[in-house]
PDB file of N, CA and C in Angstrom:
ATOM      1  N   MET A   1      53.865   3.001  21.440  1.00  0.00           N
ATOM      2  CA  MET A   1      54.572   3.402  21.991  1.00  0.00           C
ATOM      3  C   MET A   1      54.785   3.567  23.760  1.00  0.00           C
ATOM      4  N   ILE A   2      55.086   2.224  24.678  1.00  0.00           N
ATOM      5  CA  ILE A   2      53.855   2.803  25.970  1.00  0.00           C
ATOM      6  C   ILE A   2      55.289   2.818  26.517  1.00  0.00           C
ATOM      7  N   ILE A   3      54.761   3.479  27.404  1.00  0.00           N
ATOM      8  CA  ILE A   3      55.309   4.294  28.173  1.00  0.00           C
ATOM      9  C   ILE A   3      55.022   4.050  29.951  1.00  0.00           C
ATOM     10  N   VAL A   4      56.354   3.524  31.093  1.00  0.00           N
ATOM     11  CA  VAL A   4      55.989   3.134  32.183  1.00  0.00           C
ATOM     12  C   VAL A   4      56.877   3.407  33.411  1.00  0.00           C
ATOM     13  N   LYS A   5      56.377   4.433  33.693  1.00  0.00           N
ATOM     14  CA  LYS A   5      56.903   5.142  34.666  1.00  0.00           C
ATOM     15  C   LYS A   5      56.867   4.118  35.702  1.00  0.00           C
ATOM     16  N   LEU A   6      58.184   3.845  36.742  1.00  0.00           N
ATOM     17  CA  LEU A   6      57.676   3.406  38.336  1.00  0.00           C
ATOM     18  C   LEU A   6      58.659   4.749  39.064  1.00  0.00           C
ATOM     19  N   GLY A   7      57.841   4.731  39.485  1.00  0.00           N
ATOM     20  CA  GLY A   7      57.047   6.215  41.192  1.00  0.00           C
ATOM     21  C   GLY A   7      58.643   5.886  41.746  1.00  0.00           C
ATOM     22  N   GLY A   8      59.275   6.526  42.250  1.00  0.00           N
ATOM     23  CA  GLY A   8      61.129   6.704  43.090  1.00  0.00           C
ATOM     24  C   GLY A   8      60.085   6.259  44.434  1.00  0.00           C
ATOM     25  N   SER A   9      59.143   6.242  45.043  1.00  0.00           N
ATOM     26  CA  SER A   9      59.313   5.528  46.377  1.00  0.00           C
ATOM     27  C   SER A   9      58.735   4.370  46.502  1.00  0.00           C
ATOM     28  N   SER A  10      58.412   3.811  45.319  1.00  0.00           N
ATOM     29  CA  SER A  10      58.027   2.579  45.196  1.00  0.00           C
ATOM     30  C   SER A  10      58.965   1.450  45.323  1.00  0.00           C
ATOM     31  N   ILE A  11      59.865   2.507  43.684  1.00  0.00           N
ATOM     32  CA  ILE A  11      61.027   1.390  43.410  1.00  0.00           C
ATOM     33  C   ILE A  11      62.665   1.347  45.119  1.00  0.00           C
ATOM     34  N   THR A  12      62.363   1.814  45.668  1.00  0.00           N
ATOM     35  CA  THR A  12      63.302   2.377  46.732  1.00  0.00           C
ATOM     36  C   THR A  12      62.766   2.536  48.328  1.00  0.00           C
ATOM     37  N   GLU A  13      64.216   2.303  48.802  1.00  0.00           N
ATOM     38  CA  GLU A  13      62.614   2.674  50.699  1.00  0.00           C
ATOM     39  C   GLU A  13      63.441   3.844  50.947  1.00  0.00           C
ATOM     40  N   LYS A  14      62.430   4.415  50.927  1.00  0.00           N
ATOM     41  CA  LYS A  14      62.609   5.895  51.047  1.00  0.00           C
ATOM     42  C   LYS A  14      62.972   6.467  51.603  1.00  0.00           C
ATOM     43  N   LYS A  15      63.024   5.361  52.721  1.00  0.00           N
ATOM     44  CA  LYS A  15      63.836   6.237  54.562  1.00  0.00           C
ATOM     45  C   LYS A  15      64.924   5.565  55.358  1.00  0.00           C
ATOM     46  N   GLN A  16      65.178   5.188  53.273  1.00  0.00           N
ATOM     47  CA  GLN A  16      67.199   4.839  54.113  1.00  0.00           C
ATOM     48  C   GLN A  16      67.725   5.374  53.032  1.00  0.00           C
ATOM     49  N   PHE A  17      69.490   5.747  52.865  1.00  0.00           N
ATOM     50  CA  PHE A  17      69.438   6.080  51.719  1.00  0.00           C
ATOM     51  C   PHE A  17      69.769   5.499  50.985  1.00  0.00           C
ATOM     52  N   GLU A  18      69.841   5.691  49.303  1.00  0.00           N
ATOM     53  CA  GLU A  18      69.816   5.536  47.834  1.00  0.00           C
ATOM     54  C   GLU A  18      69.941   3.975  48.496  1.00  0.00           C
ATOM     55  N   THR A  19      68.189   3.057  49.534  1.00  0.00           N
ATOM     56  CA  THR A  19      68.419   1.833  48.792  1.00  0.00           C
ATOM     57  C   THR A  19      67.589   1.538  48.606  1.00  0.00           C
ATOM     58  N   ALA A  20      67.802   0.639  46.935  1.00  0.00           N
ATOM     59  CA  ALA A  20      66.618  -0.260  46.355  1.00  0.00           C
ATOM     60  C   ALA A  20      66.108  -0.796  46.273  1.00  0.00           C
ATOM     61  N   LYS A  21      64.755  -1.248  45.805  1.00  0.00           N
ATOM     62  CA  LYS A  21      63.693  -2.440  46.511  1.00  0.00           C
ATOM     63  C   LYS A  21      63.737  -2.756  44.823  1.00  0.00           C
ATOM     64  N   LEU A  22      65.720  -3.413  45.172  1.00  0.00           N
ATOM     65  CA  LEU A  22      65.309  -4.584  43.763  1.00  0.00           C
ATOM     66  C   LEU A  22      63.930  -5.705  43.029  1.00  0.00           C
ATOM     67  N   ASP A  23      63.678  -6.312  45.029  1.00  0.00           N
ATOM     68  CA  ASP A  23      62.419  -7.235  44.748  1.00  0.00           C
ATOM     69  C   ASP A  23      61.278  -6.403  43.329  1.00  0.00           C
ATOM     70  N   VAL A  24      61.139  -5.089  44.197  1.00  0.00           N
ATOM     71  CA  VAL A  24      59.972  -3.958  43.333  1.00  0.00           C
ATOM     72  C   VAL A  24      60.240  -4.372  41.917  1.00  0.00           C
ATOM     73  N   ILE A  25      61.761  -4.161  41.885  1.00  0.00           N
ATOM     74  CA  ILE A  25      62.221  -3.610  40.897  1.00  0.00           C
ATOM     75  C   ILE A  25      61.650  -5.155  39.667  1.00  0.00           C
ATOM     76  N   GLU A  26      62.764  -6.249  40.273  1.00  0.00           N
ATOM     77  CA  GLU A  26      62.295  -7.728  39.009  1.00  0.00           C
ATOM     78  C   GLU A  26      60.761  -7.962  38.739  1.00  0.00           C
ATOM     79  N   LYS A  27      60.377  -8.187  40.204  1.00  0.00           N
ATOM     80  CA  LYS A  27      58.941  -7.177  39.603  1.00  0.00           C
ATOM     81  C   LYS A  27      58.207  -7.299  38.588  1.00  0.00           C
ATOM     82  N   HIS A  28      57.933  -6.240  38.725  1.00  0.00           N
ATOM     83  CA  HIS A  28      57.707  -5.173  37.474  1.00  0.00           C
ATOM     84  C   HIS A  28      58.338  -5.701  36.643  1.00  0.00           C
ATOM     85  N   TRP A  29      59.597  -5.799  35.992  1.00  0.00           N
ATOM     86  CA  TRP A  29      60.360  -6.425  34.972  1.00  0.00           C
ATOM     87  C   TRP A  29      59.864  -7.244  34.496  1.00  0.00           C
ATOM     88  N   LYS A  30      59.321  -8.368  35.627  1.00  0.00           N
ATOM     89  CA  LYS A  30      59.064  -9.651  34.732  1.00  0.00           C
ATOM     90  C   LYS A  30      57.810  -9.014  34.274  1.00  0.00           C
ATOM     91  N   GLN A  31      56.247  -8.286  35.093  1.00  0.00           N
ATOM     92  CA  GLN A  31      55.020  -8.287  34.360  1.00  0.00           C
ATOM     93  C   GLN A  31      55.564  -7.297  32.503  1.00  0.00           C
ATOM     94  N   VAL A  32      56.129  -6.349  33.101  1.00  0.00           N
ATOM     95  CA  VAL A  32      56.528  -5.953  32.020  1.00  0.00           C
ATOM     96  C   VAL A  32      56.699  -6.410  30.812  1.00  0.00           C
ATOM     97  N   SER A  33      57.845  -7.372  31.554  1.00  0.00           N
ATOM     98  CA  SER A  33      58.525  -8.233  29.980  1.00  0.00           C
ATOM     99  C   SER A  33      57.699  -9.475  28.996  1.00  0.00           C
ATOM    100  N   LYS A  34      56.362  -9.556  29.892  1.00  0.00           N
ATOM    101  CA  LYS A  34      55.807 -10.920  28.980  1.00  0.00           C
ATOM    102  C   LYS A  34      54.914 -10.193  28.135  1.00  0.00           C
ATOM    103  N   LEU A  35      54.220  -8.619  27.566  1.00  0.00           N
ATOM    104  CA  LEU A  35      54.064  -7.197  27.507  1.00  0.00           C
ATOM    105  C   LEU A  35      54.348  -7.640  25.450  1.00  0.00           C
ATOM    106  N   GLU A  36      53.085  -7.611  25.160  1.00  0.00           N
ATOM    107  CA  GLU A  36      53.250  -8.397  23.799  1.00  0.00           C
ATOM    108  C   GLU A  36      54.610  -7.185  22.821  1.00  0.00           C
ATOM    109  N   LYS A  37      55.456  -7.782  22.150  1.00  0.00           N
ATOM    110  CA  LYS A  37      56.823  -7.422  21.544  1.00  0.00           C
ATOM    111  C   LYS A  37      56.725  -5.651  20.061  1.00  0.00           C
ATOM    112  N   LYS A  38      54.962  -5.402  20.448  1.00  0.00           N
ATOM    113  CA  LYS A  38      54.901  -4.980  19.211  1.00  0.00           C
ATOM    114  C   LYS A  38      54.993  -3.235  19.610  1.00  0.00           C
ATOM    115  N   GLU A  39      54.806  -2.513  20.168  1.00  0.00           N
ATOM    116  CA  GLU A  39      55.195  -1.349  21.165  1.00  0.00           C
ATOM    117  C   GLU A  39      56.823  -1.753  22.111  1.00  0.00           C
ATOM    118  N   LYS A  40      57.380  -0.356  20.836  1.00  0.00           N
ATOM    119  CA  LYS A  40      58.217   0.118  22.247  1.00  0.00           C
ATOM    120  C   LYS A  40      57.693   0.624  23.592  1.00  0.00           C
ATOM    121  N   LEU A  41      59.092   0.133  24.237  1.00  0.00           N
ATOM    122  CA  LEU A  41      58.952   1.198  25.597  1.00  0.00           C
ATOM    123  C   LEU A  41      59.731   1.150  26.231  1.00  0.00           C
ATOM    124  N   VAL A  42      59.702   2.230  26.911  1.00  0.00           N
ATOM    125  CA  VAL A  42      59.948   3.481  27.903  1.00  0.00           C
ATOM    126  C   VAL A  42      59.778   3.885  29.130  1.00  0.00           C
ATOM    127  N   PHE A  43      60.786   3.306  30.029  1.00  0.00           N
ATOM    128  CA  PHE A  43      60.883   3.643  31.817  1.00  0.00           C
ATOM    129  C   PHE A  43      61.658   4.487  31.408  1.00  0.00           C
ATOM    130  N   VAL A  44      61.110   5.535  32.893  1.00  0.00           N
ATOM    131  CA  VAL A  44      60.505   7.027  33.772  1.00  0.00           C
ATOM    132  C   VAL A  44      61.257   5.659  34.849  1.00  0.00           C
ATOM    133  N   HIS A  45      61.839   6.555  35.534  1.00  0.00           N
ATOM    134  CA  HIS A  45      62.240   6.672  37.151  1.00  0.00           C
ATOM    135  C   HIS A  45      61.515   7.430  38.346  1.00  0.00           C
ATOM    136  N   GLY A  46      60.685   7.542  38.854  1.00  0.00           N
ATOM    137  CA  GLY A  46      61.401   8.706  39.638  1.00  0.00           C
ATOM    138  C   GLY A  46      62.770   8.210  40.860  1.00  0.00           C
ATOM    139  N   ALA A  47      63.439   9.496  42.360  1.00  0.00           N
ATOM    140  CA  ALA A  47      64.834  10.242  41.818  1.00  0.00           C
ATOM    141  C   ALA A  47      64.245   8.715  43.616  1.00  0.00           C
ATOM    142  N   GLY A  48      63.293   8.845  44.333  1.00  0.00           N
ATOM    143  CA  GLY A  48      62.919   7.969  45.316  1.00  0.00           C
ATOM    144  C   GLY A  48      64.513   8.602  46.421  1.00  0.00           C
ATOM    145  N   SER A  49      64.552   7.482  46.940  1.00  0.00           N
ATOM    146  CA  SER A  49      65.678   8.035  48.294  1.00  0.00           C
ATOM    147  C   SER A  49      66.963   7.858  47.648  1.00  0.00           C
ATOM    148  N   PHE A  50      67.133   7.743  45.831  1.00  0.00           N
ATOM    149  CA  PHE A  50      68.244   8.464  45.568  1.00  0.00           C
ATOM    150  C   PHE A  50      68.596  10.072  44.963  1.00  0.00           C
ATOM    151  N   GLY A  51      67.061  10.882  45.985  1.00  0.00           N
ATOM    152  CA  GLY A  51      67.686  11.883  45.191  1.00  0.00           C
ATOM    153  C   GLY A  51      67.075  12.578  46.494  1.00  0.00           C
ATOM    154  N   HIS A  52      66.243  12.790  47.066  1.00  0.00           N
ATOM    155  CA  HIS A  52      65.173  13.208  48.355  1.00  0.00           C
ATOM    156  C   HIS A  52      66.179  14.039  49.484  1.00  0.00           C
ATOM    157  N   PHE A  53      66.878  12.216  49.240  1.00  0.00           N
ATOM    158  CA  PHE A  53      68.197  13.407  50.808  1.00  0.00           C
ATOM    159  C   PHE A  53      68.930  14.662  50.186  1.00  0.00           C
ATOM    160  N   GLN A  54      69.599  14.760  48.903  1.00  0.00           N
ATOM    161  CA  GLN A  54      69.982  15.866  48.416  1.00  0.00           C
ATOM    162  C   GLN A  54      69.098  16.623  48.850  1.00  0.00           C
ATOM    163  N   ALA A  55      68.111  16.498  48.051  1.00  0.00           N
ATOM    164  CA  ALA A  55      67.136  17.629  47.396  1.00  0.00           C
ATOM    165  C   ALA A  55      67.119  18.339  48.791  1.00  0.00           C
ATOM    166  N   ARG A  56      67.052  17.670  50.498  1.00  0.00           N
ATOM    167  CA  ARG A  56      66.227  18.279  51.028  1.00  0.00           C
ATOM    168  C   ARG A  56      67.259  18.676  51.881  1.00  0.00           C
ATOM    169  N   GLN A  57      68.551  18.137  51.924  1.00  0.00           N
ATOM    170  CA  GLN A  57      70.672  19.025  52.462  1.00  0.00           C
ATOM    171  C   GLN A  57      69.951  19.942  51.338  1.00  0.00           C
ATOM    172  N   PHE A  58      69.746  20.240  49.809  1.00  0.00           N
ATOM    173  CA  PHE A  58      70.125  21.630  49.261  1.00  0.00           C
ATOM    174  C   PHE A  58      69.031  22.343  49.663  1.00  0.00           C
ATOM    175  N   ASN A  59      68.718  22.251  49.811  1.00  0.00           N
ATOM    176  CA  ASN A  59      66.642  23.026  50.363  1.00  0.00           C
ATOM    177  C   ASN A  59      65.934  24.032  49.018  1.00  0.00           C
ATOM    178  N   ILE A  60      66.118  22.173  47.727  1.00  0.00           N
ATOM    179  CA  ILE A  60      65.694  22.854  46.905  1.00  0.00           C
ATOM    180  C   ILE A  60      64.679  22.678  46.253  1.00  0.00           C
ATOM    181  N   SER A  61      63.165  22.365  47.492  1.00  0.00           N
ATOM    182  CA  SER A  61      61.684  22.464  46.420  1.00  0.00           C
ATOM    183  C   SER A  61      61.845  23.466  47.572  1.00  0.00           C
ATOM    184  N   ASN A  62      62.353  24.677  47.850  1.00  0.00           N
ATOM    185  CA  ASN A  62      62.271  25.901  48.280  1.00  0.00           C
ATOM    186  C   ASN A  62      62.720  27.443  47.397  1.00  0.00           C
ATOM    187  N   GLN A  63      64.088  26.589  46.944  1.00  0.00           N
ATOM    188  CA  GLN A  63      64.932  27.676  46.052  1.00  0.00           C
ATOM    189  C   GLN A  63      64.900  26.700  44.579  1.00  0.00           C
ATOM    190  N   PHE A  64      65.362  27.352  43.117  1.00  0.00           N
ATOM    191  CA  PHE A  64      65.879  26.966  42.491  1.00  0.00           C
ATOM    192  C   PHE A  64      66.063  28.312  41.395  1.00  0.00           C
ATOM    193  N   SER A  65      67.476  27.412  41.316  1.00  0.00           N
ATOM    194  CA  SER A  65      68.274  29.104  40.388  1.00  0.00           C
ATOM    195  C   SER A  65      69.069  27.756  39.259  1.00  0.00           C
ATOM    196  N   VAL A  66      69.154  28.946  38.120  1.00  0.00           N
ATOM    197  CA  VAL A  66      69.881  28.081  37.034  1.00  0.00           C
ATOM    198  C   VAL A  66      70.917  28.668  36.780  1.00  0.00           C
ATOM    199  N   GLN A  67      72.159  28.190  36.743  1.00  0.00           N
ATOM    200  CA  GLN A  67      73.477  28.500  36.570  1.00  0.00           C
ATOM    201  C   GLN A  67      74.070  29.181  34.888  1.00  0.00           C
ATOM    202  N   GLY A  68      74.346  29.689  34.609  1.00  0.00           N
ATOM    203  CA  GLY A  68      74.829  29.987  33.165  1.00  0.00           C
ATOM    204  C   GLY A  68      75.361  30.975  32.654  1.00  0.00           C
TER     205      GLY A  68
END
């Protein structure tokens, strides 16, 4: 199994709310699609500008609680 992690700050415009870098995502996809098909691929990614704005808004880096 091959796990590929795309960092959120590399695939999104960090200073622009919820803005993906589609050209970068496509470049990575093309590279990975050339790999041998013998292995299972798992893609994971960071949140980048799709999560950092909300994290800052709700101050989650300084507090964390579980509702239950």
